[in-house]
């Protein structure tokens, strides 16, 4: 069987209960309804294409985004300014500054790893299943990983986001740690609308 991190997170939220509360039979009824909004997709693409090495050299997010538009790498929309401002706010946070100085940075990285079903489902047993997903961003510094998840909610509720996506962060951390064989030291959420790190 195969399941995505988003599907697991949806099951957890729908059940309003924590780990081990999901019944494996529920897997059949899950639909992948987590297609990103147009703006959320745009924000993620902009962040992915902004070269942090160029920021390290002194260029700004505004300058780099204009270059991307001129190269037709991204299209300019009415919400482009909002997305640029959100990325700018990120690089002003301590996590953003740390990313610029990181040893390695990985953006929009897909993964597919085996995980014991009982790690996710109440009655999962010892069967191995495939966990699939794409991490927004992680960077390696001093052989330790910081994992970043972006949320583009217009009015971010910090407590709600922290609660609803805690399981998702755990699963991303498990997968990235397994792939890289490195410790995930920090798991954070960045809320683009207010520049918050959770």
Protein backbone atom coordinates (compact mmCIF):
# COMPACT_ATOMS: atom_id res chain seq x y z
CA UNK A 1 0.00 0.00 0.00
CA UNK A 2 1.08 3.57 -0.57
CA UNK A 3 -0.04 6.75 1.20
CA UNK A 4 1.02 10.39 1.00
CA UNK A 5 1.93 12.57 3.97
CA UNK A 6 -0.99 14.87 3.09
CA UNK A 7 -3.43 11.97 3.25
CA UNK A 8 -2.13 10.89 6.65
CA UNK A 9 -2.40 14.46 7.89
CA UNK A 10 -5.98 14.71 6.59
CA UNK A 11 -6.96 11.49 8.34
CA UNK A 12 -5.44 12.72 11.61
CA UNK A 13 -7.22 16.07 11.40
CA UNK A 14 -10.56 14.56 10.44
CA UNK A 15 -10.37 12.16 13.35
CA UNK A 16 -9.38 14.97 15.75
CA UNK A 17 -7.16 12.48 17.53
CA UNK A 18 -3.46 11.77 17.60
CA UNK A 19 -1.12 9.04 16.38
CA UNK A 20 -2.35 5.42 16.52
CA UNK A 21 -5.97 6.62 16.27
CA UNK A 22 -6.39 6.04 12.54
CA UNK A 23 -7.81 2.75 11.35
CA UNK A 24 -5.99 1.22 8.40
CA UNK A 25 -9.31 0.46 6.67
CA UNK A 26 -9.88 4.23 6.37
CA UNK A 27 -7.03 4.35 3.88
CA UNK A 28 -9.27 3.15 1.08
CA UNK A 29 -11.64 6.11 1.44
CA UNK A 30 -9.02 8.86 1.48
CA UNK A 31 -8.90 11.14 -1.53
CA UNK A 32 -5.97 13.40 -2.22
CA UNK A 33 -7.86 16.66 -1.97
CA UNK A 34 -4.89 18.75 -0.98
CA UNK A 35 -4.19 20.40 -4.29
CA UNK A 36 -2.63 23.76 -3.44
CA UNK A 37 -4.38 27.02 -4.13
CA UNK A 38 -3.13 29.03 -7.08
CA UNK A 39 -1.38 31.48 -4.79
CA UNK A 40 0.15 28.78 -2.59
CA UNK A 41 1.57 27.03 -5.65
CA UNK A 42 2.94 30.33 -6.93
CA UNK A 43 4.58 31.16 -3.59
CA UNK A 44 6.24 27.73 -3.45
CA UNK A 45 7.50 28.04 -7.01
CA UNK A 46 8.88 31.53 -6.37
CA UNK A 47 10.68 30.35 -3.25
CA UNK A 48 12.07 27.35 -5.10
CA UNK A 49 13.49 29.51 -7.91
CA UNK A 50 14.99 32.27 -5.75
CA UNK A 51 18.68 31.37 -5.59
CA UNK A 52 19.89 31.76 -2.01
CA UNK A 53 23.48 31.87 -3.30
CA UNK A 54 22.62 35.09 -5.12
CA UNK A 55 21.15 36.48 -1.90
CA UNK A 56 24.43 35.64 -0.20
CA UNK A 57 26.20 37.74 -2.84
CA UNK A 58 24.02 40.73 -1.99
CA UNK A 59 21.12 40.56 -4.44
CA UNK A 60 17.60 41.04 -3.12
CA UNK A 61 14.52 38.85 -3.46
CA UNK A 62 12.86 41.70 -5.41
CA UNK A 63 15.74 41.83 -7.90
CA UNK A 64 15.82 38.08 -8.35
CA UNK A 65 12.04 37.84 -8.80
CA UNK A 66 12.17 40.50 -11.53
CA UNK A 67 14.91 38.52 -13.27
CA UNK A 68 12.75 35.38 -13.10
CA UNK A 69 9.85 37.26 -14.68
CA UNK A 70 12.06 38.61 -17.47
CA UNK A 71 13.34 35.08 -18.14
CA UNK A 72 9.74 33.80 -18.22
CA UNK A 73 10.60 31.42 -15.40
CA UNK A 74 7.54 32.74 -13.57
CA UNK A 75 4.60 34.87 -14.68
CA UNK A 76 3.68 38.16 -13.07
CA UNK A 77 0.20 38.14 -11.55
CA UNK A 78 -1.76 40.48 -9.31
CA UNK A 79 -0.51 38.51 -6.30
CA UNK A 80 3.18 38.47 -7.32
CA UNK A 81 4.00 41.38 -5.00
CA UNK A 82 2.35 39.57 -2.10
CA UNK A 83 4.40 36.42 -2.78
CA UNK A 84 7.65 38.39 -3.12
CA UNK A 85 6.97 40.11 0.20
CA UNK A 86 6.34 36.71 1.83
CA UNK A 87 9.66 35.34 0.57
CA UNK A 88 11.41 38.54 1.69
CA UNK A 89 9.98 38.13 5.18
CA UNK A 90 11.28 34.56 5.29
CA UNK A 91 14.85 35.57 4.57
CA UNK A 92 14.69 38.13 7.38
CA UNK A 93 13.94 35.41 9.96
CA UNK A 94 16.70 33.61 11.83
CA UNK A 95 15.85 30.43 9.87
CA UNK A 96 16.09 32.29 6.55
CA UNK A 97 19.45 33.77 7.50
CA UNK A 98 20.67 30.36 8.59
CA UNK A 99 19.54 28.83 5.28
CA UNK A 100 21.65 31.32 3.31
CA UNK A 101 24.72 30.19 5.25
CA UNK A 102 23.86 26.46 5.16
CA UNK A 103 26.17 23.81 3.76
CA UNK A 104 23.46 22.40 1.47
CA UNK A 105 19.89 23.44 0.64
CA UNK A 106 17.18 21.23 -0.86
CA UNK A 107 13.88 22.62 -2.16
CA UNK A 108 10.75 20.76 -3.27
CA UNK A 109 12.39 17.39 -2.71
CA UNK A 110 10.22 14.32 -3.42
CA UNK A 111 10.61 11.19 -1.31
CA UNK A 112 9.26 7.64 -1.21
CA UNK A 113 10.22 5.60 1.86
CA UNK A 114 9.10 2.44 3.56
CA UNK A 115 7.54 2.80 6.99
CA UNK A 116 5.96 0.28 9.34
CA UNK A 117 2.17 0.68 9.19
CA UNK A 118 1.86 0.70 12.98
CA UNK A 119 3.82 3.96 13.01
CA UNK A 120 0.80 5.59 11.35
CA UNK A 121 -2.27 3.40 11.88
CA UNK A 122 -3.85 2.02 15.03
CA UNK A 123 -4.26 -1.47 13.59
CA UNK A 124 -1.47 -1.28 11.05
CA UNK A 125 0.50 -4.23 12.34
CA UNK A 126 4.01 -4.93 11.12
CA UNK A 127 3.26 -4.50 7.43
CA UNK A 128 5.52 -2.05 5.60
CA UNK A 129 3.85 0.61 3.49
CA UNK A 130 5.25 3.31 1.21
CA UNK A 131 5.12 6.89 2.45
CA UNK A 132 5.24 9.47 -0.33
CA UNK A 133 5.55 13.24 -0.22
CA UNK A 134 7.51 16.33 -1.18
CA UNK A 135 9.28 18.45 1.41
CA UNK A 136 9.07 22.20 0.84
CA UNK A 137 12.63 22.82 1.97
CA UNK A 138 15.35 21.54 4.21
CA UNK A 139 18.94 22.53 4.72
CA UNK A 140 21.98 20.89 6.22
CA UNK A 141 24.32 22.71 8.55
CA UNK A 142 27.00 20.96 10.60
CA UNK A 143 25.52 17.58 9.57
CA UNK A 144 22.13 18.41 11.08
CA UNK A 145 18.91 19.14 9.23
CA UNK A 146 16.40 21.94 9.60
CA UNK A 147 13.10 21.08 7.92
CA UNK A 148 10.83 23.92 6.75
CA UNK A 149 7.17 23.73 5.80
CA UNK A 150 5.49 26.76 4.21
CA UNK A 151 1.92 27.80 4.91
CA UNK A 152 0.36 30.59 2.87
CA UNK A 153 -2.92 30.99 4.79
CA UNK A 154 -4.14 34.57 4.55
CA UNK A 155 -4.96 34.79 8.26
CA UNK A 156 -2.66 32.24 9.89
CA UNK A 157 -3.78 30.88 13.26
CA UNK A 158 -0.47 29.89 14.84
CA UNK A 159 -1.92 27.50 17.44
CA UNK A 160 -4.19 25.80 14.91
CA UNK A 161 -1.40 25.38 12.36
CA UNK A 162 0.95 23.97 15.01
CA UNK A 163 -1.66 21.43 16.09
CA UNK A 164 -2.98 20.44 12.65
CA UNK A 165 0.39 19.97 10.99
CA UNK A 166 2.45 18.45 13.82
CA UNK A 167 1.92 14.92 12.48
CA UNK A 168 2.86 16.06 8.99
CA UNK A 169 6.14 17.51 10.27
CA UNK A 170 6.93 14.28 12.12
CA UNK A 171 6.43 12.22 8.96
CA UNK A 172 8.50 14.58 6.81
CA UNK A 173 11.26 14.46 9.40
CA UNK A 174 11.13 10.65 9.47
CA UNK A 175 11.37 10.44 5.68
CA UNK A 176 14.14 13.03 5.25
CA UNK A 177 16.15 11.51 8.09
CA UNK A 178 15.86 8.07 6.51
CA UNK A 179 16.88 9.33 3.06
CA UNK A 180 19.82 11.43 4.26
CA UNK A 181 20.83 9.34 7.30
CA UNK A 182 21.15 12.59 9.23
CA UNK A 183 19.36 13.89 12.32
CA UNK A 184 16.50 16.35 11.79
CA UNK A 185 17.33 18.86 14.51
CA UNK A 186 14.55 21.39 13.83
CA UNK A 187 11.10 21.12 12.27
CA UNK A 188 9.55 24.53 11.61
CA UNK A 189 6.58 26.06 9.84
CA UNK A 190 6.90 29.44 8.15
CA UNK A 191 3.68 31.43 7.75
CA UNK A 192 4.23 33.69 4.77
CA UNK A 193 1.56 36.26 5.56
CA UNK A 194 3.02 37.39 8.85
CA UNK A 195 6.58 36.14 8.59
CA UNK A 196 6.15 33.85 11.58
CA UNK A 197 8.27 30.84 12.44
CA UNK A 198 6.39 28.16 14.38
